[in-house]
PDB file of N, CA and C in Angstrom:
ATOM      1  N   MET A   1     -83.657 165.564-220.034  1.00  0.00           N
ATOM      2  CA  MET A   1     -83.977 165.909-221.104  1.00  0.00           C
ATOM      3  C   MET A   1     -81.913 166.337-221.520  1.00  0.00           C
ATOM      4  N   ARG A   2     -82.043 165.485-222.901  1.00  0.00           N
ATOM      5  CA  ARG A   2     -80.468 165.279-223.439  1.00  0.00           C
ATOM      6  C   ARG A   2     -80.214 166.602-224.565  1.00  0.00           C
ATOM      7  N   ASP A   3     -79.326 166.159-224.815  1.00  0.00           N
ATOM      8  CA  ASP A   3     -78.510 167.570-225.550  1.00  0.00           C
ATOM      9  C   ASP A   3     -78.093 166.746-226.751  1.00  0.00           C
ATOM     10  N   LYS A   4     -77.641 167.589-228.009  1.00  0.00           N
ATOM     11  CA  LYS A   4     -77.529 166.953-229.681  1.00  0.00           C
ATOM     12  C   LYS A   4     -76.350 166.159-229.606  1.00  0.00           C
ATOM     13  N   ASP A   5     -75.694 165.892-228.077  1.00  0.00           N
ATOM     14  CA  ASP A   5     -74.451 164.590-228.405  1.00  0.00           C
ATOM     15  C   ASP A   5     -74.965 163.458-227.606  1.00  0.00           C
ATOM     16  N   GLY A   6     -76.439 163.536-227.051  1.00  0.00           N
ATOM     17  CA  GLY A   6     -77.145 162.422-226.283  1.00  0.00           C
ATOM     18  C   GLY A   6     -76.325 162.219-224.902  1.00  0.00           C
ATOM     19  N   TYR A   7     -75.940 163.290-223.828  1.00  0.00           N
ATOM     20  CA  TYR A   7     -76.112 163.529-223.090  1.00  0.00           C
ATOM     21  C   TYR A   7     -76.795 164.515-222.114  1.00  0.00           C
ATOM     22  N   GLU A   8     -77.054 163.560-221.141  1.00  0.00           N
ATOM     23  CA  GLU A   8     -77.920 163.807-220.275  1.00  0.00           C
ATOM     24  C   GLU A   8     -77.831 164.418-218.903  1.00  0.00           C
ATOM     25  N   ASP A   9     -78.585 165.759-218.320  1.00  0.00           N
ATOM     26  CA  ASP A   9     -78.273 166.509-217.247  1.00  0.00           C
ATOM     27  C   ASP A   9     -79.162 165.668-216.388  1.00  0.00           C
ATOM     28  N   VAL A  10     -77.847 165.341-215.365  1.00  0.00           N
ATOM     29  CA  VAL A  10     -78.309 164.153-213.985  1.00  0.00           C
ATOM     30  C   VAL A  10     -78.844 164.763-212.672  1.00  0.00           C
ATOM     31  N   ALA A  11     -77.639 165.560-212.820  1.00  0.00           N
ATOM     32  CA  ALA A  11     -77.002 166.247-210.873  1.00  0.00           C
ATOM     33  C   ALA A  11     -76.703 167.438-211.035  1.00  0.00           C
ATOM     34  N   GLY A  12     -76.471 167.920-210.375  1.00  0.00           N
ATOM     35  CA  GLY A  12     -75.708 169.353-209.569  1.00  0.00           C
ATOM     36  C   GLY A  12     -74.721 168.547-208.694  1.00  0.00           C
ATOM     37  N   ALA A  13     -72.905 169.271-209.549  1.00  0.00           N
ATOM     38  CA  ALA A  13     -71.756 168.444-208.968  1.00  0.00           C
ATOM     39  C   ALA A  13     -71.841 168.434-207.339  1.00  0.00           C
ATOM     40  N   HIS A  14     -72.759 169.491-206.746  1.00  0.00           N
ATOM     41  CA  HIS A  14     -72.520 169.839-205.109  1.00  0.00           C
ATOM     42  C   HIS A  14     -73.604 168.610-204.648  1.00  0.00           C
ATOM     43  N   GLU A  15     -74.191 168.017-205.223  1.00  0.00           N
ATOM     44  CA  GLU A  15     -74.759 167.007-205.387  1.00  0.00           C
ATOM     45  C   GLU A  15     -74.324 165.315-204.530  1.00  0.00           C
ATOM     46  N   ILE A  16     -72.756 165.590-205.217  1.00  0.00           N
ATOM     47  CA  ILE A  16     -72.109 164.050-205.098  1.00  0.00           C
ATOM     48  C   ILE A  16     -71.073 164.463-204.187  1.00  0.00           C
ATOM     49  N   PRO A  17     -70.909 164.831-203.280  1.00  0.00           N
ATOM     50  CA  PRO A  17     -69.716 165.137-202.562  1.00  0.00           C
ATOM     51  C   PRO A  17     -68.923 163.798-202.272  1.00  0.00           C
ATOM     52  N   GLU A  18     -67.590 164.136-202.292  1.00  0.00           N
ATOM     53  CA  GLU A  18     -67.160 162.783-201.784  1.00  0.00           C
ATOM     54  C   GLU A  18     -67.236 161.858-200.843  1.00  0.00           C
ATOM     55  N   GLY A  19     -67.261 160.899-201.529  1.00  0.00           N
ATOM     56  CA  GLY A  19     -67.686 159.384-200.623  1.00  0.00           C
ATOM     57  C   GLY A  19     -68.910 158.910-201.020  1.00  0.00           C
ATOM     58  N   ALA A  20     -69.369 159.723-201.834  1.00  0.00           N
ATOM     59  CA  ALA A  20     -70.927 160.155-202.154  1.00  0.00           C
ATOM     60  C   ALA A  20     -71.433 158.643-203.309  1.00  0.00           C
ATOM     61  N   VAL A  21     -72.436 157.889-202.927  1.00  0.00           N
ATOM     62  CA  VAL A  21     -72.956 157.164-203.731  1.00  0.00           C
ATOM     63  C   VAL A  21     -74.301 158.037-204.134  1.00  0.00           C
ATOM     64  N   ARG A  22     -74.941 158.121-205.041  1.00  0.00           N
ATOM     65  CA  ARG A  22     -76.175 158.312-205.434  1.00  0.00           C
ATOM     66  C   ARG A  22     -76.831 157.775-206.770  1.00  0.00           C
ATOM     67  N   PHE A  23     -78.627 157.173-206.398  1.00  0.00           N
ATOM     68  CA  PHE A  23     -79.012 156.417-207.565  1.00  0.00           C
ATOM     69  C   PHE A  23     -79.692 157.342-208.259  1.00  0.00           C
ATOM     70  N   PHE A  24     -80.039 157.331-209.409  1.00  0.00           N
ATOM     71  CA  PHE A  24     -81.128 158.395-210.667  1.00  0.00           C
ATOM     72  C   PHE A  24     -81.500 157.932-211.340  1.00  0.00           C
ATOM     73  N   GLU A  25     -82.818 157.771-211.444  1.00  0.00           N
ATOM     74  CA  GLU A  25     -83.538 157.131-212.649  1.00  0.00           C
ATOM     75  C   GLU A  25     -83.771 157.703-214.144  1.00  0.00           C
ATOM     76  N   LEU A  26     -82.994 157.480-215.137  1.00  0.00           N
ATOM     77  CA  LEU A  26     -83.082 158.056-216.348  1.00  0.00           C
ATOM     78  C   LEU A  26     -84.193 157.803-217.489  1.00  0.00           C
ATOM     79  N   ASP A  27     -84.349 157.565-218.413  1.00  0.00           N
ATOM     80  CA  ASP A  27     -84.839 157.581-219.769  1.00  0.00           C
ATOM     81  C   ASP A  27     -84.752 156.074-219.744  1.00  0.00           C
ATOM     82  N   ARG A  28     -83.986 155.907-219.817  1.00  0.00           N
ATOM     83  CA  ARG A  28     -82.787 154.375-220.544  1.00  0.00           C
ATOM     84  C   ARG A  28     -82.661 153.582-219.253  1.00  0.00           C
ATOM     85  N   GLY A  29     -82.999 153.848-217.967  1.00  0.00           N
ATOM     86  CA  GLY A  29     -82.363 152.592-216.996  1.00  0.00           C
ATOM     87  C   GLY A  29     -81.898 153.474-215.548  1.00  0.00           C
ATOM     88  N   GLU A  30     -81.403 152.772-214.919  1.00  0.00           N
ATOM     89  CA  GLU A  30     -81.020 153.446-213.756  1.00  0.00           C
ATOM     90  C   GLU A  30     -79.683 153.071-213.788  1.00  0.00           C
ATOM     91  N   ILE A  31     -78.755 154.320-213.439  1.00  0.00           N
ATOM     92  CA  ILE A  31     -77.439 154.977-212.931  1.00  0.00           C
ATOM     93  C   ILE A  31     -77.403 155.104-211.399  1.00  0.00           C
ATOM     94  N   MET A  32     -75.878 154.771-211.265  1.00  0.00           N
ATOM     95  CA  MET A  32     -75.373 155.467-209.788  1.00  0.00           C
ATOM     96  C   MET A  32     -74.271 156.496-210.326  1.00  0.00           C
ATOM     97  N   LEU A  33     -74.079 157.809-209.479  1.00  0.00           N
ATOM     98  CA  LEU A  33     -73.128 158.609-209.562  1.00  0.00           C
ATOM     99  C   LEU A  33     -72.521 158.238-208.359  1.00  0.00           C
ATOM    100  N   CYS A  34     -71.358 158.433-208.437  1.00  0.00           N
ATOM    101  CA  CYS A  34     -70.636 158.084-207.078  1.00  0.00           C
ATOM    102  C   CYS A  34     -69.097 158.907-207.225  1.00  0.00           C
ATOM    103  N   ARG A  35     -68.707 159.550-206.553  1.00  0.00           N
ATOM    104  CA  ARG A  35     -67.557 160.368-206.248  1.00  0.00           C
ATOM    105  C   ARG A  35     -66.271 159.531-205.100  1.00  0.00           C
ATOM    106  N   ILE A  36     -66.076 158.875-205.313  1.00  0.00           N
ATOM    107  CA  ILE A  36     -64.564 158.155-204.236  1.00  0.00           C
ATOM    108  C   ILE A  36     -63.021 158.835-205.116  1.00  0.00           C
ATOM    109  N   GLY A  37     -62.380 159.226-204.071  1.00  0.00           N
ATOM    110  CA  GLY A  37     -60.946 159.409-203.855  1.00  0.00           C
ATOM    111  C   GLY A  37     -61.000 160.869-205.374  1.00  0.00           C
ATOM    112  N   GLY A  38     -62.009 161.273-205.343  1.00  0.00           N
ATOM    113  CA  GLY A  38     -61.574 162.368-206.217  1.00  0.00           C
ATOM    114  C   GLY A  38     -62.271 162.019-207.252  1.00  0.00           C
ATOM    115  N   THR A  39     -62.906 160.838-207.704  1.00  0.00           N
ATOM    116  CA  THR A  39     -63.109 160.262-209.261  1.00  0.00           C
ATOM    117  C   THR A  39     -64.586 160.341-208.682  1.00  0.00           C
ATOM    118  N   LEU A  40     -65.611 160.658-210.102  1.00  0.00           N
ATOM    119  CA  LEU A  40     -66.274 160.680-210.324  1.00  0.00           C
ATOM    120  C   LEU A  40     -66.789 159.967-211.620  1.00  0.00           C
ATOM    121  N   LYS A  41     -67.663 158.936-211.018  1.00  0.00           N
ATOM    122  CA  LYS A  41     -68.255 157.927-212.114  1.00  0.00           C
ATOM    123  C   LYS A  41     -69.765 157.617-212.142  1.00  0.00           C
ATOM    124  N   ALA A  42     -70.445 157.271-213.814  1.00  0.00           N
ATOM    125  CA  ALA A  42     -71.211 156.827-214.089  1.00  0.00           C
ATOM    126  C   ALA A  42     -71.498 155.455-214.173  1.00  0.00           C
ATOM    127  N   LEU A  43     -71.647 154.884-213.524  1.00  0.00           N
ATOM    128  CA  LEU A  43     -71.968 153.533-213.316  1.00  0.00           C
ATOM    129  C   LEU A  43     -73.476 153.040-213.628  1.00  0.00           C
ATOM    130  N   SER A  44     -73.913 151.664-213.838  1.00  0.00           N
ATOM    131  CA  SER A  44     -74.919 151.149-214.244  1.00  0.00           C
ATOM    132  C   SER A  44     -75.709 151.112-212.855  1.00  0.00           C
ATOM    133  N   GLY A  45     -76.566 151.586-212.629  1.00  0.00           N
ATOM    134  CA  GLY A  45     -77.334 150.767-211.252  1.00  0.00           C
ATOM    135  C   GLY A  45     -77.490 149.329-211.033  1.00  0.00           C
ATOM    136  N   ARG A  46     -77.523 148.459-212.012  1.00  0.00           N
ATOM    137  CA  ARG A  46     -78.327 147.102-211.833  1.00  0.00           C
ATOM    138  C   ARG A  46     -77.025 146.278-211.598  1.00  0.00           C
ATOM    139  N   CYS A  47     -77.195 145.693-210.621  1.00  0.00           N
ATOM    140  CA  CYS A  47     -76.024 144.321-211.038  1.00  0.00           C
ATOM    141  C   CYS A  47     -76.284 143.326-212.296  1.00  0.00           C
ATOM    142  N   THR A  48     -75.476 143.337-212.749  1.00  0.00           N
ATOM    143  CA  THR A  48     -74.920 142.640-213.919  1.00  0.00           C
ATOM    144  C   THR A  48     -75.179 140.808-214.284  1.00  0.00           C
ATOM    145  N   HIS A  49     -75.497 140.589-212.845  1.00  0.00           N
ATOM    146  CA  HIS A  49     -75.615 138.930-212.423  1.00  0.00           C
ATOM    147  C   HIS A  49     -77.549 139.033-213.008  1.00  0.00           C
ATOM    148  N   ALA A  50     -78.356 139.659-212.007  1.00  0.00           N
ATOM    149  CA  ALA A  50     -79.911 139.162-212.678  1.00  0.00           C
ATOM    150  C   ALA A  50     -80.687 140.515-212.610  1.00  0.00           C
ATOM    151  N   PHE A  51     -79.615 141.664-212.963  1.00  0.00           N
ATOM    152  CA  PHE A  51     -80.289 142.769-213.421  1.00  0.00           C
ATOM    153  C   PHE A  51     -80.907 143.721-211.563  1.00  0.00           C
ATOM    154  N   ALA A  52     -80.319 142.956-210.771  1.00  0.00           N
ATOM    155  CA  ALA A  52     -81.475 143.652-209.878  1.00  0.00           C
ATOM    156  C   ALA A  52     -80.846 145.056-209.378  1.00  0.00           C
ATOM    157  N   SER A  53     -81.668 145.622-208.549  1.00  0.00           N
ATOM    158  CA  SER A  53     -81.321 147.139-208.479  1.00  0.00           C
ATOM    159  C   SER A  53     -80.212 147.343-207.086  1.00  0.00           C
ATOM    160  N   LEU A  54     -78.737 148.294-207.185  1.00  0.00           N
ATOM    161  CA  LEU A  54     -78.053 147.913-205.774  1.00  0.00           C
ATOM    162  C   LEU A  54     -77.975 148.881-204.862  1.00  0.00           C
ATOM    163  N   GLN A  55     -79.548 149.753-205.449  1.00  0.00           N
ATOM    164  CA  GLN A  55     -79.796 151.243-204.853  1.00  0.00           C
ATOM    165  C   GLN A  55     -80.336 150.392-203.267  1.00  0.00           C
ATOM    166  N   ASP A  56     -80.154 149.247-203.184  1.00  0.00           N
ATOM    167  CA  ASP A  56     -80.676 149.046-201.809  1.00  0.00           C
ATOM    168  C   ASP A  56     -79.560 148.121-201.080  1.00  0.00           C
ATOM    169  N   GLY A  57     -78.446 148.075-202.204  1.00  0.00           N
ATOM    170  CA  GLY A  57     -77.009 147.392-201.643  1.00  0.00           C
ATOM    171  C   GLY A  57     -76.085 148.046-200.391  1.00  0.00           C
ATOM    172  N   GLU A  58     -75.525 147.186-199.762  1.00  0.00           N
ATOM    173  CA  GLU A  58     -74.442 147.906-198.091  1.00  0.00           C
ATOM    174  C   GLU A  58     -73.390 148.305-199.654  1.00  0.00           C
ATOM    175  N   ILE A  59     -73.230 149.704-198.837  1.00  0.00           N
ATOM    176  CA  ILE A  59     -71.726 150.336-199.521  1.00  0.00           C
ATOM    177  C   ILE A  59     -71.303 150.282-197.987  1.00  0.00           C
ATOM    178  N   ALA A  60     -69.804 149.646-198.279  1.00  0.00           N
ATOM    179  CA  ALA A  60     -68.683 149.698-197.005  1.00  0.00           C
ATOM    180  C   ALA A  60     -67.306 149.436-198.060  1.00  0.00           C
ATOM    181  N   GLY A  61     -66.437 149.814-197.759  1.00  0.00           N
ATOM    182  CA  GLY A  61     -65.207 149.127-197.810  1.00  0.00           C
ATOM    183  C   GLY A  61     -64.445 149.696-199.397  1.00  0.00           C
ATOM    184  N   GLY A  62     -65.357 150.777-199.821  1.00  0.00           N
ATOM    185  CA  GLY A  62     -65.018 150.973-201.228  1.00  0.00           C
ATOM    186  C   GLY A  62     -65.569 149.993-202.150  1.00  0.00           C
ATOM    187  N   LYS A  63     -66.774 149.392-201.688  1.00  0.00           N
ATOM    188  CA  LYS A  63     -67.407 148.472-202.406  1.00  0.00           C
ATOM    189  C   LYS A  63     -69.002 148.289-202.193  1.00  0.00           C
ATOM    190  N   ILE A  64     -69.606 148.013-203.623  1.00  0.00           N
ATOM    191  CA  ILE A  64     -71.084 148.346-203.326  1.00  0.00           C
ATOM    192  C   ILE A  64     -71.665 146.989-203.469  1.00  0.00           C
ATOM    193  N   THR A  65     -72.354 145.951-202.351  1.00  0.00           N
ATOM    194  CA  THR A  65     -72.976 144.651-202.294  1.00  0.00           C
ATOM    195  C   THR A  65     -74.085 144.443-202.646  1.00  0.00           C
ATOM    196  N   CYS A  66     -74.620 143.634-204.033  1.00  0.00           N
ATOM    197  CA  CYS A  66     -76.050 143.780-203.999  1.00  0.00           C
ATOM    198  C   CYS A  66     -76.474 143.055-202.942  1.00  0.00           C
ATOM    199  N   ALA A  67     -77.920 143.296-202.926  1.00  0.00           N
ATOM    200  CA  ALA A  67     -78.843 142.865-202.088  1.00  0.00           C
ATOM    201  C   ALA A  67     -79.103 141.408-201.771  1.00  0.00           C
ATOM    202  N   VAL A  68     -79.072 141.433-203.528  1.00  0.00           N
ATOM    203  CA  VAL A  68     -79.996 139.661-204.070  1.00  0.00           C
ATOM    204  C   VAL A  68     -79.263 138.907-203.996  1.00  0.00           C
ATOM    205  N   HIS A  69     -77.928 138.960-204.524  1.00  0.00           N
ATOM    206  CA  HIS A  69     -76.920 137.765-204.469  1.00  0.00           C
ATOM    207  C   HIS A  69     -75.849 138.174-204.091  1.00  0.00           C
ATOM    208  N   GLY A  70     -75.671 138.716-203.537  1.00  0.00           N
ATOM    209  CA  GLY A  70     -74.175 139.067-202.855  1.00  0.00           C
ATOM    210  C   GLY A  70     -72.958 139.418-203.983  1.00  0.00           C
ATOM    211  N   ALA A  71     -73.462 139.549-204.875  1.00  0.00           N
ATOM    212  CA  ALA A  71     -72.275 139.964-205.982  1.00  0.00           C
ATOM    213  C   ALA A  71     -72.099 141.635-205.463  1.00  0.00           C
ATOM    214  N   GLN A  72     -70.091 142.314-205.179  1.00  0.00           N
ATOM    215  CA  GLN A  72     -69.682 142.998-204.853  1.00  0.00           C
ATOM    216  C   GLN A  72     -68.699 143.728-205.861  1.00  0.00           C
ATOM    217  N   PHE A  73     -68.849 144.936-205.833  1.00  0.00           N
ATOM    218  CA  PHE A  73     -67.987 145.887-207.047  1.00  0.00           C
ATOM    219  C   PHE A  73     -67.310 146.648-206.406  1.00  0.00           C
ATOM    220  N   ALA A  74     -66.306 147.106-207.008  1.00  0.00           N
ATOM    221  CA  ALA A  74     -65.600 147.844-206.629  1.00  0.00           C
ATOM    222  C   ALA A  74     -66.104 149.446-207.149  1.00  0.00           C
ATOM    223  N   LEU A  75     -65.682 150.463-206.054  1.00  0.00           N
ATOM    224  CA  LEU A  75     -66.322 151.753-206.303  1.00  0.00           C
ATOM    225  C   LEU A  75     -65.040 152.292-206.298  1.00  0.00           C
ATOM    226  N   PRO A  76     -64.727 153.838-207.403  1.00  0.00           N
ATOM    227  CA  PRO A  76     -65.744 154.340-207.986  1.00  0.00           C
ATOM    228  C   PRO A  76     -65.155 153.476-209.741  1.00  0.00           C
ATOM    229  N   SER A  77     -64.571 151.954-209.512  1.00  0.00           N
ATOM    230  CA  SER A  77     -64.302 151.332-211.156  1.00  0.00           C
ATOM    231  C   SER A  77     -65.857 150.928-211.648  1.00  0.00           C
ATOM    232  N   GLY A  78     -66.148 150.220-210.406  1.00  0.00           N
ATOM    233  CA  GLY A  78     -67.497 149.510-211.141  1.00  0.00           C
ATOM    234  C   GLY A  78     -67.443 147.527-211.320  1.00  0.00           C
ATOM    235  N   LYS A  79     -65.846 147.419-210.963  1.00  0.00           N
ATOM    236  CA  LYS A  79     -65.114 146.472-211.528  1.00  0.00           C
ATOM    237  C   LYS A  79     -65.489 145.319-210.200  1.00  0.00           C
ATOM    238  N   ASN A  80     -66.071 143.949-210.830  1.00  0.00           N
ATOM    239  CA  ASN A  80     -66.867 143.023-209.486  1.00  0.00           C
ATOM    240  C   ASN A  80     -65.435 142.255-209.066  1.00  0.00           C
ATOM    241  N   VAL A  81     -65.371 142.560-208.027  1.00  0.00           N
ATOM    242  CA  VAL A  81     -64.330 141.679-207.369  1.00  0.00           C
ATOM    243  C   VAL A  81     -64.974 140.338-206.372  1.00  0.00           C
ATOM    244  N   SER A  82     -65.872 140.045-206.866  1.00  0.00           N
ATOM    245  CA  SER A  82     -66.798 138.612-206.026  1.00  0.00           C
ATOM    246  C   SER A  82     -66.238 137.707-206.793  1.00  0.00           C
ATOM    247  N   GLY A  83     -66.052 137.765-208.512  1.00  0.00           N
ATOM    248  CA  GLY A  83     -65.877 136.816-209.040  1.00  0.00           C
ATOM    249  C   GLY A  83     -67.042 135.964-209.792  1.00  0.00           C
ATOM    250  N   ASN A  84     -68.424 136.243-209.976  1.00  0.00           N
ATOM    251  CA  ASN A  84     -69.241 135.862-210.118  1.00  0.00           C
ATOM    252  C   ASN A  84     -70.167 136.654-210.912  1.00  0.00           C
ATOM    253  N   CYS A  85     -69.941 138.060-211.657  1.00  0.00           N
ATOM    254  CA  CYS A  85     -70.129 138.156-212.585  1.00  0.00           C
ATOM    255  C   CYS A  85     -69.664 139.434-213.170  1.00  0.00           C
ATOM    256  N   ALA A  86     -70.176 139.942-213.954  1.00  0.00           N
ATOM    257  CA  ALA A  86     -69.269 140.817-214.817  1.00  0.00           C
ATOM    258  C   ALA A  86     -69.326 142.042-214.160  1.00  0.00           C
ATOM    259  N   ASP A  87     -68.134 143.116-214.922  1.00  0.00           N
ATOM    260  CA  ASP A  87     -67.967 144.481-214.329  1.00  0.00           C
ATOM    261  C   ASP A  87     -69.345 144.930-214.683  1.00  0.00           C
ATOM    262  N   LEU A  88     -69.730 146.422-213.300  1.00  0.00           N
ATOM    263  CA  LEU A  88     -70.607 147.192-214.060  1.00  0.00           C
ATOM    264  C   LEU A  88     -70.271 148.279-215.107  1.00  0.00           C
ATOM    265  N   PRO A  89     -71.061 148.124-216.580  1.00  0.00           N
ATOM    266  CA  PRO A  89     -70.952 149.039-217.475  1.00  0.00           C
ATOM    267  C   PRO A  89     -70.733 150.965-216.943  1.00  0.00           C
ATOM    268  N   SER A  90     -70.303 151.447-217.271  1.00  0.00           N
ATOM    269  CA  SER A  90     -69.815 152.760-217.038  1.00  0.00           C
ATOM    270  C   SER A  90     -70.014 153.717-218.308  1.00  0.00           C
ATOM    271  N   TYR A  91     -70.328 154.844-218.010  1.00  0.00           N
ATOM    272  CA  TYR A  91     -71.245 156.026-218.790  1.00  0.00           C
ATOM    273  C   TYR A  91     -70.221 157.345-219.028  1.00  0.00           C
ATOM    274  N   PRO A  92     -69.861 157.751-220.010  1.00  0.00           N
ATOM    275  CA  PRO A  92     -68.745 158.616-220.248  1.00  0.00           C
ATOM    276  C   PRO A  92     -70.063 160.279-219.713  1.00  0.00           C
ATOM    277  N   ILE A  93     -69.330 160.841-218.733  1.00  0.00           N
ATOM    278  CA  ILE A  93     -69.652 161.869-217.940  1.00  0.00           C
ATOM    279  C   ILE A  93     -68.815 163.145-218.609  1.00  0.00           C
ATOM    280  N   ARG A  94     -69.560 164.545-218.904  1.00  0.00           N
ATOM    281  CA  ARG A  94     -69.240 165.485-219.287  1.00  0.00           C
ATOM    282  C   ARG A  94     -69.880 166.630-218.098  1.00  0.00           C
ATOM    283  N   MET A  95     -69.027 167.844-217.614  1.00  0.00           N
ATOM    284  CA  MET A  95     -69.510 168.989-216.861  1.00  0.00           C
ATOM    285  C   MET A  95     -70.448 169.756-217.785  1.00  0.00           C
ATOM    286  N   ASP A  96     -71.016 169.986-217.617  1.00  0.00           N
ATOM    287  CA  ASP A  96     -71.557 172.004-218.276  1.00  0.00           C
ATOM    288  C   ASP A  96     -71.927 172.801-217.140  1.00  0.00           C
ATOM    289  N   GLY A  97     -70.705 173.820-216.810  1.00  0.00           N
ATOM    290  CA  GLY A  97     -70.662 173.986-215.426  1.00  0.00           C
ATOM    291  C   GLY A  97     -70.528 173.790-214.498  1.00  0.00           C
ATOM    292  N   ASN A  98     -71.827 173.614-213.505  1.00  0.00           N
ATOM    293  CA  ASN A  98     -71.673 172.927-212.078  1.00  0.00           C
ATOM    294  C   ASN A  98     -72.585 171.348-212.617  1.00  0.00           C
ATOM    295  N   ARG A  99     -72.786 171.425-213.739  1.00  0.00           N
ATOM    296  CA  ARG A  99     -73.999 170.276-213.838  1.00  0.00           C
ATOM    297  C   ARG A  99     -73.543 168.834-214.682  1.00  0.00           C
ATOM    298  N   ILE A 100     -73.630 167.301-213.864  1.00  0.00           N
ATOM    299  CA  ILE A 100     -72.987 166.395-214.308  1.00  0.00           C
ATOM    300  C   ILE A 100     -73.818 166.145-215.364  1.00  0.00           C
ATOM    301  N   MET A 101     -73.172 165.678-216.464  1.00  0.00           N
ATOM    302  CA  MET A 101     -74.502 165.396-217.747  1.00  0.00           C
ATOM    303  C   MET A 101     -73.362 163.871-217.594  1.00  0.00           C
ATOM    304  N   VAL A 102     -74.373 162.965-218.334  1.00  0.00           N
ATOM    305  CA  VAL A 102     -74.227 161.382-218.617  1.00  0.00           C
ATOM    306  C   VAL A 102     -75.111 161.126-220.209  1.00  0.00           C
ATOM    307  N   LYS A 103     -73.985 160.335-220.649  1.00  0.00           N
ATOM    308  CA  LYS A 103     -74.386 159.435-221.806  1.00  0.00           C
ATOM    309  C   LYS A 103     -74.382 158.059-221.250  1.00  0.00           C
ATOM    310  N   PHE A 104     -75.939 158.038-221.367  1.00  0.00           N
ATOM    311  CA  PHE A 104     -76.872 156.753-220.945  1.00  0.00           C
ATOM    312  C   PHE A 104     -76.614 155.968-222.322  1.00  0.00           C
ATOM    313  N   GLY A 105     -75.919 154.853-222.863  1.00  0.00           N
ATOM    314  CA  GLY A 105     -76.984 153.824-223.683  1.00  0.00           C
ATOM    315  C   GLY A 105     -75.865 153.988-224.723  1.00  0.00           C
TER     316      GLY A 105
END
Protein backbone atom coordinates (compact mmCIF):
# COMPACT_ATOMS: atom_id res chain seq x y z
CA MET A 1 0.00 0.00 0.00
CA ARG A 2 1.35 3.42 -0.98
CA ASP A 3 0.90 6.58 1.03
CA LYS A 4 0.03 9.98 -0.45
CA ASP A 5 3.76 10.72 -1.05
CA GLY A 6 4.31 7.50 -3.02
CA TYR A 7 6.11 5.55 -0.29
CA GLU A 8 5.25 1.87 0.01
CA ASP A 9 5.34 -0.11 3.26
CA VAL A 10 7.93 -2.83 2.63
CA ALA A 11 9.15 -4.37 5.89
CA GLY A 12 9.62 -4.00 9.59
CA ALA A 13 13.01 -2.67 10.70
CA HIS A 14 13.58 -5.90 12.65
CA GLU A 15 13.40 -7.86 9.36
CA ILE A 16 16.62 -6.24 8.10
CA PRO A 17 19.25 -6.80 10.82
CA GLU A 18 22.88 -5.72 10.43
CA GLY A 19 24.54 -7.58 7.55
CA ALA A 20 21.23 -8.68 6.00
CA VAL A 21 20.06 -8.44 2.40
CA ARG A 22 16.37 -9.16 1.76
CA PHE A 23 14.42 -9.12 -1.50
CA PHE A 24 10.86 -7.85 -1.97
CA GLU A 25 8.51 -7.80 -4.94
CA LEU A 26 6.61 -4.50 -5.10
CA ASP A 27 3.91 -3.40 -7.53
CA ARG A 28 6.53 -1.78 -9.73
CA GLY A 29 9.27 -4.42 -9.50
CA GLU A 30 11.87 -6.11 -7.35
CA ILE A 31 13.97 -4.33 -4.74
CA MET A 32 16.44 -5.39 -2.12
CA LEU A 33 16.83 -3.86 1.29
CA CYS A 34 20.23 -4.16 2.91
CA ARG A 35 21.75 -2.98 6.16
CA ILE A 36 25.53 -2.98 6.02
CA GLY A 37 27.74 -1.01 8.41
CA GLY A 38 24.61 0.47 9.98
CA THR A 39 23.44 1.92 6.64
CA LEU A 40 19.99 0.88 5.41
CA LYS A 41 19.54 1.12 1.63
CA ALA A 42 16.87 0.21 -0.90
CA LEU A 43 18.37 -0.87 -4.22
CA SER A 44 17.05 -2.41 -7.40
CA GLY A 45 16.88 -6.18 -7.11
CA ARG A 46 17.76 -6.53 -10.80
CA CYS A 47 21.19 -6.47 -12.44
CA THR A 48 21.58 -3.44 -14.69
CA HIS A 49 23.21 -5.52 -17.43
CA ALA A 50 20.34 -7.80 -18.46
CA PHE A 51 17.85 -7.17 -15.65
CA ALA A 52 18.42 -10.64 -14.16
CA SER A 53 17.21 -11.02 -10.59
CA LEU A 54 20.00 -10.64 -8.05
CA GLN A 55 18.09 -12.82 -5.59
CA ASP A 56 20.07 -15.87 -6.74
CA GLY A 57 23.37 -14.01 -6.61
CA GLU A 58 26.18 -14.72 -4.17
CA ILE A 59 26.69 -12.29 -1.30
CA ALA A 60 30.25 -12.20 0.02
CA GLY A 61 32.90 -9.66 0.91
CA GLY A 62 30.47 -6.73 0.97
CA LYS A 63 29.33 -7.41 -2.62
CA ILE A 64 26.50 -9.14 -4.44
CA THR A 65 27.35 -10.99 -7.65
CA CYS A 66 24.82 -11.50 -10.44
CA ALA A 67 24.37 -15.25 -10.95
CA VAL A 68 23.76 -14.77 -14.68
CA HIS A 69 26.54 -12.44 -15.85
CA GLY A 70 28.95 -12.11 -12.91
CA ALA A 71 28.49 -8.36 -12.46
CA GLN A 72 29.39 -7.30 -8.92
CA PHE A 73 27.84 -4.52 -6.89
CA ALA A 74 29.12 -3.08 -3.61
CA LEU A 75 26.74 -3.19 -0.67
CA PRO A 76 25.14 -1.01 0.53
CA SER A 77 26.02 1.57 -2.15
CA GLY A 78 24.96 -0.41 -5.24
CA LYS A 79 28.08 0.79 -7.08
CA ASN A 80 29.19 -1.54 -9.88
CA VAL A 81 32.67 -2.76 -8.94
CA SER A 82 33.21 -5.15 -11.86
CA GLY A 83 33.13 -2.44 -14.53
CA ASN A 84 30.73 -4.23 -16.86
CA CYS A 85 27.45 -2.39 -16.23
CA ALA A 86 25.82 0.58 -14.51
CA ASP A 87 25.37 1.02 -10.76
CA LEU A 88 22.17 -0.29 -9.19
CA PRO A 89 19.45 2.33 -8.87
CA SER A 90 18.69 3.28 -5.26
CA TYR A 91 15.39 4.46 -3.83
CA PRO A 92 14.49 6.83 -0.99
CA ILE A 93 13.64 5.29 2.37
CA ARG A 94 11.82 6.73 5.32
CA MET A 95 10.78 5.18 8.59
CA ASP A 96 7.19 5.20 9.82
CA GLY A 97 7.52 3.96 13.38
CA ASN A 98 9.39 0.70 12.95
CA ARG A 99 8.19 0.20 9.34
CA ILE A 100 10.53 0.72 6.38
CA MET A 101 8.83 2.75 3.65
CA VAL A 102 10.36 2.91 0.14
CA LYS A 103 9.57 5.26 -2.72
CA PHE A 104 10.07 2.98 -5.71
CA GLY A 105 10.03 4.31 -9.24
